[in-house]
C-alpha atoms as a PDB file:
ATOM      1  CA  MET A   1      -1.576   3.496   7.392  1.00  0.00           C
ATOM      2  CA  ALA A   2      -1.280   3.074   3.647  1.00  0.00           C
ATOM      3  CA  THR A   3       1.071   0.328   2.523  1.00  0.00           C
ATOM      4  CA  LYS A   4       3.286  -0.172  -0.490  1.00  0.00           C
ATOM      5  CA  GLU A   5       0.439  -2.193  -1.972  1.00  0.00           C
ATOM      6  CA  SER A   6      -1.692   0.939  -2.012  1.00  0.00           C
ATOM      7  CA  TRP A   7       0.414   2.433  -4.761  1.00  0.00           C
ATOM      8  CA  SER A   8       0.155  -0.459  -7.191  1.00  0.00           C
ATOM      9  CA  THR A   9      -3.572  -0.397  -6.521  1.00  0.00           C
ATOM     10  CA  TRP A  10      -3.914   2.803  -8.554  1.00  0.00           C
ATOM     11  CA  ALA A  11      -2.521   1.029 -11.622  1.00  0.00           C
ATOM     12  CA  GLU A  12      -4.610  -2.076 -10.991  1.00  0.00           C
ATOM     13  CA  ALA A  13      -7.731   0.007 -10.479  1.00  0.00           C
ATOM     14  CA  ARG A  14      -7.163   1.703 -13.786  1.00  0.00           C
ATOM     15  CA  ARG A  15      -7.140  -1.667 -15.518  1.00  0.00           C
ATOM     16  CA  ASP A  16     -10.356  -2.573 -13.714  1.00  0.00           C
ATOM     17  CA  TYR A  17     -12.426   0.376 -14.803  1.00  0.00           C
ATOM     18  CA  THR A  18     -11.012   0.489 -18.323  1.00  0.00           C
ATOM     19  CA  THR A  19     -11.709  -3.211 -18.970  1.00  0.00           C
ATOM     20  CA  LYS A  20     -14.853  -3.197 -21.104  1.00  0.00           C
ATOM     21  CA  ARG A  21     -17.224  -5.673 -22.658  1.00  0.00           C
ATOM     22  CA  VAL A  22     -18.622  -4.365 -25.930  1.00  0.00           C
ATOM     23  CA  ASP A  23     -21.386  -5.406 -28.276  1.00  0.00           C
ATOM     24  CA  GLY A  24     -21.223  -5.540 -32.041  1.00  0.00           C
ATOM     25  CA  SER A  25     -21.613  -1.784 -32.372  1.00  0.00           C
ATOM     26  CA  ASN A  26     -18.604  -1.247 -30.110  1.00  0.00           C
ATOM     27  CA  ALA A  27     -20.751   0.513 -27.485  1.00  0.00           C
ATOM     28  CA  VAL A  28     -19.757   0.059 -23.893  1.00  0.00           C
ATOM     29  CA  VAL A  29     -22.046  -2.416 -22.165  1.00  0.00           C
ATOM     30  CA  GLU A  30     -20.291  -2.863 -18.843  1.00  0.00           C
ATOM     31  CA  VAL A  31     -17.164  -1.695 -17.082  1.00  0.00           C
ATOM     32  CA  GLU A  32     -15.831  -4.468 -14.921  1.00  0.00           C
ATOM     33  CA  GLY A  33     -14.221  -3.865 -11.583  1.00  0.00           C
ATOM     34  CA  GLY A  34     -17.275  -3.784  -9.377  1.00  0.00           C
ATOM     35  CA  GLY A  35     -17.105  -5.671  -6.124  1.00  0.00           C
ATOM     36  CA  GLY A  36     -20.045  -6.611  -4.028  1.00  0.00           C
ATOM     37  CA  GLY A  37     -21.058  -5.081  -0.779  1.00  0.00           C
ATOM     38  CA  GLY A  38     -22.300  -1.725  -1.967  1.00  0.00           C
ATOM     39  CA  GLY A  39     -19.384  -0.753  -4.145  1.00  0.00           C
ATOM     40  CA  GLY A  40     -18.459  -1.187  -7.767  1.00  0.00           C
ATOM     41  CA  GLY A  41     -20.536  -2.905 -10.390  1.00  0.00           C
ATOM     42  CA  GLY A  42     -21.060   0.300 -12.333  1.00  0.00           C
ATOM     43  CA  ARG A  43     -22.418   0.061 -15.856  1.00  0.00           C
ATOM     44  CA  GLY A  44     -21.992   1.921 -19.110  1.00  0.00           C
ATOM     45  CA  LYS A  45     -21.395   5.633 -19.025  1.00  0.00           C
ATOM     46  CA  GLU A  46     -21.402   5.748 -15.218  1.00  0.00           C
ATOM     47  CA  CYS A  47     -17.948   4.146 -15.203  1.00  0.00           C
ATOM     48  CA  ASP A  48     -16.576   5.648 -18.379  1.00  0.00           C
ATOM     49  CA  PRO A  49     -13.096   7.060 -17.585  1.00  0.00           C
ATOM     50  CA  ARG A  50     -14.257  10.328 -19.121  1.00  0.00           C
ATOM     51  CA  HIS A  51     -16.574  10.777 -16.155  1.00  0.00           C
ATOM     52  CA  LEU A  52     -13.568  10.692 -13.844  1.00  0.00           C
ATOM     53  CA  GLN A  53     -11.839  13.206 -16.085  1.00  0.00           C
ATOM     54  CA  LYS A  54     -14.815  15.527 -15.639  1.00  0.00           C
ATOM     55  CA  CYS A  55     -14.383  15.224 -11.877  1.00  0.00           C
ATOM     56  CA  MET A  56     -10.757  16.236 -12.247  1.00  0.00           C
ATOM     57  CA  LYS A  57     -11.761  19.201 -14.400  1.00  0.00           C
ATOM     58  CA  ARG A  58     -13.780  20.531 -11.480  1.00  0.00           C
ATOM     59  CA  LEU A  59     -10.628  20.510  -9.394  1.00  0.00           C
ATOM     60  CA  GLU A  60      -8.577  22.117 -12.137  1.00  0.00           C
ATOM     61  CA  ALA A  61     -11.106  24.905 -12.684  1.00  0.00           C
ATOM     62  CA  ILE A  62      -9.739  26.738  -9.673  1.00  0.00           C
ATOM     63  CA  ASN A  63      -6.370  26.986 -11.429  1.00  0.00           C
ATOM     64  CA  GLU A  64      -7.661  29.786 -13.616  1.00  0.00           C
ATOM     65  CA  ASP A  65      -7.500  32.169 -10.665  1.00  0.00           C
ATOM     66  CA  HIS A  66      -4.036  32.274  -9.142  1.00  0.00           C
ATOM     67  CA  ASN A  67      -5.419  33.965  -6.040  1.00  0.00           C
ATOM     68  CA  LEU A  68      -7.509  30.895  -5.294  1.00  0.00           C
ATOM     69  CA  ALA A  69      -4.503  28.609  -5.589  1.00  0.00           C
ATOM     70  CA  PHE A  70      -3.195  30.442  -2.522  1.00  0.00           C
ATOM     71  CA  ALA A  71      -6.462  31.761  -1.087  1.00  0.00           C
ATOM     72  CA  SER A  72      -5.722  34.520   1.406  1.00  0.00           C
ATOM     73  CA  THR A  73      -9.199  35.939   2.096  1.00  0.00           C
ATOM     74  CA  GLU A  74     -12.333  34.378   3.543  1.00  0.00           C
ATOM     75  CA  PRO A  75     -14.313  34.617   0.252  1.00  0.00           C
ATOM     76  CA  GLU A  76     -11.435  33.120  -1.759  1.00  0.00           C
ATOM     77  CA  LEU A  77     -11.033  30.273   0.708  1.00  0.00           C
ATOM     78  CA  ASP A  78     -14.785  29.618   0.766  1.00  0.00           C
ATOM     79  CA  GLN A  79     -14.819  29.428  -3.023  1.00  0.00           C
ATOM     80  CA  MET A  80     -11.811  27.134  -3.025  1.00  0.00           C
ATOM     81  CA  CYS A  81     -13.458  24.886  -0.423  1.00  0.00           C
ATOM     82  CA  HIS A  82     -16.633  24.616  -2.477  1.00  0.00           C
ATOM     83  CA  THR A  83     -14.719  23.644  -5.606  1.00  0.00           C
ATOM     84  CA  MET A  84     -12.424  21.221  -3.808  1.00  0.00           C
ATOM     85  CA  GLY A  85     -15.300  19.584  -1.943  1.00  0.00           C
ATOM     86  CA  SER A  86     -17.359  19.186  -5.099  1.00  0.00           C
ATOM     87  CA  GLY A  87     -14.448  17.706  -7.035  1.00  0.00           C
ATOM     88  CA  LEU A  88     -13.423  15.327  -4.268  1.00  0.00           C
ATOM     89  CA  ASN A  89     -16.994  14.083  -3.808  1.00  0.00           C
ATOM     90  CA  CYS A  90     -17.228  13.506  -7.551  1.00  0.00           C
ATOM     91  CA  VAL A  91     -14.005  11.460  -7.523  1.00  0.00           C
ATOM     92  CA  LYS A  92     -15.092   9.414  -4.501  1.00  0.00           C
ATOM     93  CA  SER A  93     -18.511   8.761  -6.023  1.00  0.00           C
ATOM     94  CA  HIS A  94     -16.873   7.396  -9.159  1.00  0.00           C
ATOM     95  CA  ILE A  95     -14.521   5.218  -7.119  1.00  0.00           C
ATOM     96  CA  SER A  96     -17.362   3.798  -5.019  1.00  0.00           C
ATOM     97  CA  ARG A  97     -19.340   2.860  -8.150  1.00  0.00           C
ATOM     98  CA  CYS A  98     -16.569   1.523 -10.333  1.00  0.00           C
ATOM     99  CA  PHE A  99     -13.758   0.096  -8.193  1.00  0.00           C
ATOM    100  CA  LYS A 100     -13.688  -3.143  -6.238  1.00  0.00           C
ATOM    101  CA  VAL A 101     -14.350  -2.653  -2.534  1.00  0.00           C
ATOM    102  CA  SER A 102     -10.885  -3.884  -1.515  1.00  0.00           C
ATOM    103  CA  ARG A 103      -9.284  -1.329  -3.796  1.00  0.00           C
ATOM    104  CA  GLN A 104     -11.609   1.435  -2.713  1.00  0.00           C
ATOM    105  CA  GLN A 105     -10.333   1.011   0.833  1.00  0.00           C
ATOM    106  CA  LEU A 106      -6.686   1.284  -0.199  1.00  0.00           C
ATOM    107  CA  ILE A 107      -7.336   4.345  -2.348  1.00  0.00           C
ATOM    108  CA  TYR A 108      -9.251   6.054   0.449  1.00  0.00           C
ATOM    109  CA  GLN A 109      -6.247   5.493   2.724  1.00  0.00           C
ATOM    110  CA  LEU A 110      -4.176   7.583   0.330  1.00  0.00           C
ATOM    111  CA  LEU A 111      -6.794  10.331   0.435  1.00  0.00           C
ATOM    112  CA  THR A 112      -7.094  10.570   4.221  1.00  0.00           C
ATOM    113  CA  GLY A 113      -4.533  13.367   4.554  1.00  0.00           C
ATOM    114  CA  THR A 114      -6.159  15.398   1.807  1.00  0.00           C
ATOM    115  CA  GLU A 115      -9.623  15.030   3.306  1.00  0.00           C
ATOM    116  CA  ASP A 116      -8.342  15.935   6.763  1.00  0.00           C
ATOM    117  CA  VAL A 117      -6.733  19.134   5.510  1.00  0.00           C
ATOM    118  CA  ILE A 118      -9.756  20.122   3.429  1.00  0.00           C
ATOM    119  CA  HIS A 119     -11.945  19.684   6.514  1.00  0.00           C
ATOM    120  CA  SER A 120      -9.572  21.781   8.639  1.00  0.00           C
ATOM    121  CA  LEU A 121      -9.295  24.517   6.010  1.00  0.00           C
ATOM    122  CA  CYS A 122     -12.996  24.717   5.348  1.00  0.00           C
ATOM    123  CA  MET A 123     -14.298  24.774   8.916  1.00  0.00           C
ATOM    124  CA  PRO A 124     -13.817  27.682  11.361  1.00  0.00           C
ATOM    125  CA  GLY A 125     -10.836  27.064  13.573  1.00  0.00           C
ATOM    126  CA  ASN A 126      -7.182  27.676  14.315  1.00  0.00           C
ATOM    127  CA  PHE A 127      -5.844  25.803  11.281  1.00  0.00           C
ATOM    128  CA  ARG A 128      -7.980  27.867   8.887  1.00  0.00           C
ATOM    129  CA  ASP A 129      -6.916  31.090  10.615  1.00  0.00           C
ATOM    130  CA  GLN A 130      -3.246  30.135  10.350  1.00  0.00           C
ATOM    131  CA  TYR A 131      -3.631  29.266   6.687  1.00  0.00           C
ATOM    132  CA  LEU A 132      -5.154  32.648   5.900  1.00  0.00           C
ATOM    133  CA  GLN A 133      -2.343  34.317   7.822  1.00  0.00           C
ATOM    134  CA  HIS A 134       0.510  32.505   6.089  1.00  0.00           C
ATOM    135  CA  SER A 135      -0.835  31.825   2.581  1.00  0.00           C
ATOM    136  CA  PRO A 136       0.360  35.216   1.211  1.00  0.00           C
ATOM    137  CA  CYS A 137       3.895  34.245   2.214  1.00  0.00           C
ATOM    138  CA  MET A 138       3.557  30.836   0.568  1.00  0.00           C
ATOM    139  CA  LYS A 139       2.165  32.423  -2.588  1.00  0.00           C
ATOM    140  CA  ASN A 140       4.916  35.035  -2.882  1.00  0.00           C
ATOM    141  CA  LEU A 141       7.654  32.446  -2.421  1.00  0.00           C
ATOM    142  CA  SER A 142       6.044  29.951  -4.800  1.00  0.00           C
ATOM    143  CA  VAL A 143       5.455  32.291  -7.740  1.00  0.00           C
ATOM    144  CA  ASP A 144       8.764  34.191  -7.567  1.00  0.00           C
ATOM    145  CA  PRO A 145      11.226  32.518  -9.978  1.00  0.00           C
ATOM    146  CA  GLN A 146      14.090  33.942  -7.944  1.00  0.00           C
ATOM    147  CA  VAL A 147      12.928  32.063  -4.847  1.00  0.00           C
ATOM    148  CA  CYS A 148      10.912  28.830  -5.238  1.00  0.00           C
ATOM    149  CA  GLY A 149       9.070  29.451  -8.501  1.00  0.00           C
ATOM    150  CA  LYS A 150      11.125  26.896 -10.428  1.00  0.00           C
ATOM    151  CA  GLN A 151      10.608  24.229  -7.783  1.00  0.00           C
ATOM    152  CA  TYR A 152       6.883  24.956  -7.697  1.00  0.00           C
ATOM    153  CA  HIS A 153       6.559  24.684 -11.472  1.00  0.00           C
ATOM    154  CA  ARG A 154       8.473  21.408 -11.411  1.00  0.00           C
ATOM    155  CA  LEU A 155       6.015  20.126  -8.848  1.00  0.00           C
ATOM    156  CA  ILE A 156       3.122  21.135 -11.112  1.00  0.00           C
ATOM    157  CA  ASN A 157       4.837  19.677 -14.179  1.00  0.00           C
ATOM    158  CA  SER A 158       5.318  16.350 -12.425  1.00  0.00           C
ATOM    159  CA  VAL A 159       1.540  15.877 -12.605  1.00  0.00           C
ATOM    160  CA  ASP A 160       1.579  15.452 -16.377  1.00  0.00           C
ATOM    161  CA  PRO A 161       5.156  15.449 -17.689  1.00  0.00           C
ATOM    162  CA  ALA A 162       5.949  16.061 -21.342  1.00  0.00           C
ATOM    163  CA  GLU A 163       7.004  12.454 -21.748  1.00  0.00           C
ATOM    164  CA  LYS A 164       4.660   9.766 -20.437  1.00  0.00           C
ATOM    165  CA  LEU A 165       6.464   7.712 -17.812  1.00  0.00           C
ATOM    166  CA  GLU A 166       6.206   4.285 -16.276  1.00  0.00           C
ATOM    167  CA  PHE A 167       4.180   4.309 -13.061  1.00  0.00           C
ATOM    168  CA  GLU A 168       7.209   4.036 -10.755  1.00  0.00           C
ATOM    169  CA  ASP A 169       9.070   6.780 -12.626  1.00  0.00           C
ATOM    170  CA  SER A 170       6.022   9.020 -12.275  1.00  0.00           C
ATOM    171  CA  ILE A 171       5.965   8.387  -8.522  1.00  0.00           C
ATOM    172  CA  ARG A 172       9.673   9.183  -8.283  1.00  0.00           C
ATOM    173  CA  GLN A 173       9.319  12.482 -10.123  1.00  0.00           C
ATOM    174  CA  GLN A 174       6.339  13.582  -8.059  1.00  0.00           C
ATOM    175  CA  CYS A 175       8.005  12.637  -4.760  1.00  0.00           C
ATOM    176  CA  CYS A 176      11.289  14.338  -5.596  1.00  0.00           C
ATOM    177  CA  ALA A 177       9.521  17.450  -6.858  1.00  0.00           C
ATOM    178  CA  PHE A 178       7.445  17.566  -3.674  1.00  0.00           C
ATOM    179  CA  HIS A 179      10.467  17.266  -1.374  1.00  0.00           C
ATOM    180  CA  ASN A 180      12.512  19.808  -3.341  1.00  0.00           C
ATOM    181  CA  TYR A 181       9.673  22.337  -3.327  1.00  0.00           C
ATOM    182  CA  LEU A 182       8.986  21.856   0.374  1.00  0.00           C
ATOM    183  CA  LEU A 183      12.668  22.233   1.268  1.00  0.00           C
ATOM    184  CA  CYS A 184      12.847  25.459  -0.733  1.00  0.00           C
ATOM    185  CA  VAL A 185       9.642  27.064   0.515  1.00  0.00           C
ATOM    186  CA  THR A 186      10.150  26.262   4.211  1.00  0.00           C
ATOM    187  CA  THR A 187      13.741  27.535   4.134  1.00  0.00           C
ATOM    188  CA  ALA A 188      12.709  30.692   2.285  1.00  0.00           C
ATOM    189  CA  ALA A 189       9.741  31.247   4.619  1.00  0.00           C
ATOM    190  CA  GLU A 190      12.060  31.180   7.618  1.00  0.00           C
ATOM    191  CA  ARG A 191      14.220  33.819   5.945  1.00  0.00           C
ATOM    192  CA  GLU A 192      11.622  36.006   4.224  1.00  0.00           C
ATOM    193  CA  CYS A 193       8.546  35.686   6.451  1.00  0.00           C
ATOM    194  CA  SER A 194       8.859  34.135   9.903  1.00  0.00           C
ATOM    195  CA  SER A 195       9.666  30.922  11.704  1.00  0.00           C
ATOM    196  CA  GLU A 196       5.935  30.544  12.365  1.00  0.00           C
ATOM    197  CA  ALA A 197       5.207  30.695   8.626  1.00  0.00           C
ATOM    198  CA  SER A 198       7.896  28.114   7.906  1.00  0.00           C
ATOM    199  CA  TYR A 199       6.541  25.767  10.568  1.00  0.00           C
ATOM    200  CA  PHE A 200       2.960  26.092   9.346  1.00  0.00           C
ATOM    201  CA  ILE A 201       3.835  25.481   5.684  1.00  0.00           C
ATOM    202  CA  GLU A 202       5.721  22.337   6.667  1.00  0.00           C
ATOM    203  CA  GLU A 203       2.876  21.122   8.897  1.00  0.00           C
ATOM    204  CA  TYR A 204       0.290  21.879   6.210  1.00  0.00           C
ATOM    205  CA  SER A 205       2.265  20.041   3.546  1.00  0.00           C
ATOM    206  CA  TYR A 206       3.020  16.961   5.604  1.00  0.00           C
ATOM    207  CA  ARG A 207      -0.528  16.662   6.925  1.00  0.00           C
ATOM    208  CA  THR A 208      -1.728  16.636   3.346  1.00  0.00           C
ATOM    209  CA  ALA A 209       0.779  14.106   2.042  1.00  0.00           C
ATOM    210  CA  ARG A 210       1.505  11.966   5.124  1.00  0.00           C
ATOM    211  CA  PRO A 211       0.176   8.632   3.766  1.00  0.00           C
ATOM    212  CA  ILE A 212       2.353   9.041   0.677  1.00  0.00           C
ATOM    213  CA  ILE A 213       5.430  10.316   2.504  1.00  0.00           C
ATOM    214  CA  GLN A 214       5.291   7.394   4.928  1.00  0.00           C
ATOM    215  CA  THR A 215       5.196   4.843   2.123  1.00  0.00           C
ATOM    216  CA  ARG A 216       6.868   5.463  -1.199  1.00  0.00           C
ATOM    217  CA  CYS A 217       8.129   9.039  -0.974  1.00  0.00           C
ATOM    218  CA  LYS A 218      10.400   8.441   1.992  1.00  0.00           C
ATOM    219  CA  VAL A 219      13.050   6.859  -0.258  1.00  0.00           C
ATOM    220  CA  TYR A 220      13.069   9.830  -2.639  1.00  0.00           C
ATOM    221  CA  VAL A 221      14.682  12.717  -0.794  1.00  0.00           C
ATOM    222  CA  PRO A 222      16.644  15.787  -1.968  1.00  0.00           C
ATOM    223  CA  GLY A 223      20.265  14.914  -2.631  1.00  0.00           C
ATOM    224  CA  SER A 224      19.652  11.248  -3.368  1.00  0.00           C
ATOM    225  CA  LEU A 225      20.713   9.809  -6.711  1.00  0.00           C
ATOM    226  CA  GLU A 226      17.075   9.184  -7.566  1.00  0.00           C
ATOM    227  CA  CYS A 227      16.119  12.815  -7.030  1.00  0.00           C
ATOM    228  CA  THR A 228      19.203  14.155  -8.786  1.00  0.00           C
ATOM    229  CA  TYR A 229      18.154  12.206 -11.869  1.00  0.00           C
ATOM    230  CA  SER A 230      14.550  13.254 -11.478  1.00  0.00           C
ATOM    231  CA  SER A 231      15.345  16.970 -11.158  1.00  0.00           C
ATOM    232  CA  ALA A 232      17.463  16.893 -14.303  1.00  0.00           C
ATOM    233  CA  ALA A 233      14.696  15.194 -16.255  1.00  0.00           C
ATOM    234  CA  LEU A 234      12.124  17.698 -15.058  1.00  0.00           C
ATOM    235  CA  SER A 235      14.363  20.625 -15.967  1.00  0.00           C
ATOM    236  CA  ARG A 236      14.601  19.388 -19.537  1.00  0.00           C
ATOM    237  CA  ALA A 237      10.875  18.763 -19.738  1.00  0.00           C
ATOM    238  CA  ALA A 238       9.981  22.195 -18.413  1.00  0.00           C
ATOM    239  CA  SER A 239      11.570  23.931 -21.400  1.00  0.00           C
ATOM    240  CA  PHE A 240       8.921  22.687 -23.821  1.00  0.00           C
ATOM    241  CA  PHE A 241       6.006  21.598 -21.670  1.00  0.00           C
ATOM    242  CA  HIS A 242       3.251  24.198 -21.537  1.00  0.00           C
ATOM    243  CA  LEU A 243       2.500  25.203 -17.959  1.00  0.00           C
ATOM    244  CA  SER A 244      -1.235  24.704 -18.312  1.00  0.00           C
ATOM    245  CA  LEU A 245      -1.854  23.463 -14.784  1.00  0.00           C
ATOM    246  CA  LEU A 246      -1.585  25.675 -11.748  1.00  0.00           C
ATOM    247  CA  MET A 247      -3.061  23.447  -9.112  1.00  0.00           C
ATOM    248  CA  ALA A 248      -5.469  24.688  -6.497  1.00  0.00           C
ATOM    249  CA  VAL A 249      -4.005  24.800  -3.010  1.00  0.00           C
ATOM    250  CA  PRO A 250      -0.517  23.447  -3.722  1.00  0.00           C
ATOM    251  CA  LEU A 251      -0.004  19.854  -2.582  1.00  0.00           C
ATOM    252  CA  LEU A 252      -3.687  19.129  -2.061  1.00  0.00           C
ATOM    253  CA  LEU A 253      -3.857  18.333  -5.748  1.00  0.00           C
ATOM    254  CA  THR A 254      -0.187  17.676  -6.377  1.00  0.00           C
ATOM    255  CA  THR A 255       0.259  14.811  -3.945  1.00  0.00           C
ATOM    256  CA  HIS A 256      -2.795  12.588  -4.278  1.00  0.00           C
ATOM    257  CA  PHE A 257      -4.863  13.489  -7.305  1.00  0.00           C
ATOM    258  CA  PRO A 258      -1.977  13.573  -9.826  1.00  0.00           C
ATOM    259  CA  LEU A 259      -1.587   9.832  -9.375  1.00  0.00           C
ATOM    260  CA  LEU A 260      -5.221   9.381 -10.325  1.00  0.00           C
ATOM    261  CA  TYR A 261      -5.009  12.026 -13.048  1.00  0.00           C
ATOM    262  CA  HIS A 262      -1.921  10.374 -14.511  1.00  0.00           C
ATOM    263  CA  LEU A 263      -3.732   7.068 -14.906  1.00  0.00           C
ATOM    264  CA  ILE A 264      -6.972   8.155 -16.585  1.00  0.00           C
END
């Protein structure tokens, strides 16, 4: 199980791979942060933060097609799986080259839920079948501003808010946005679709985010003072922040990867 230490690791890891030794021409010679034992020790461009940004761009590419964000057909889901798998492998490859082994392990703990869900979605089986059955409901509820559209956009906006935040404030906004969206969409699914749809959406979301929910997010719940403050801040930000990110498969990218994206 991921611990509270896992969260500070993201910030520490950022310092590791952005600490550089340069020569007189200001060219990057080495990015420190490599540990022994088969991980880290990357050099030069291999550990340039821009490489990690390119990995994230692969994941964001799927945002251009709203249908893929809530894939509801076999071809759409196959395409989403290919993009997600490629992006995740790119991220993990960078981490294994450029982060200390001890920090790699903590980061991978945070990604276990995401990897588990990607595997279940992208292999034939009951979970994939249920996703294809209920994703149209989730899409309709998430994009309709009269239902959960505002909560969904706040969740997306929490990835890269208009005002750069301290690490803990960023965690708070993402956690509160996640809980508020999930509360809205599961309640609406029960009313508009079916109890089975509501149950699946909740299971899908919590399987994806379990390591995070069990650590830091459990103190940020709808109705708490922390989330009341967070929701107000996000509402103000949403009025002038361009909604340029529509994440692929909601919560796969908006629970783990935003933390990494926020730090690069």
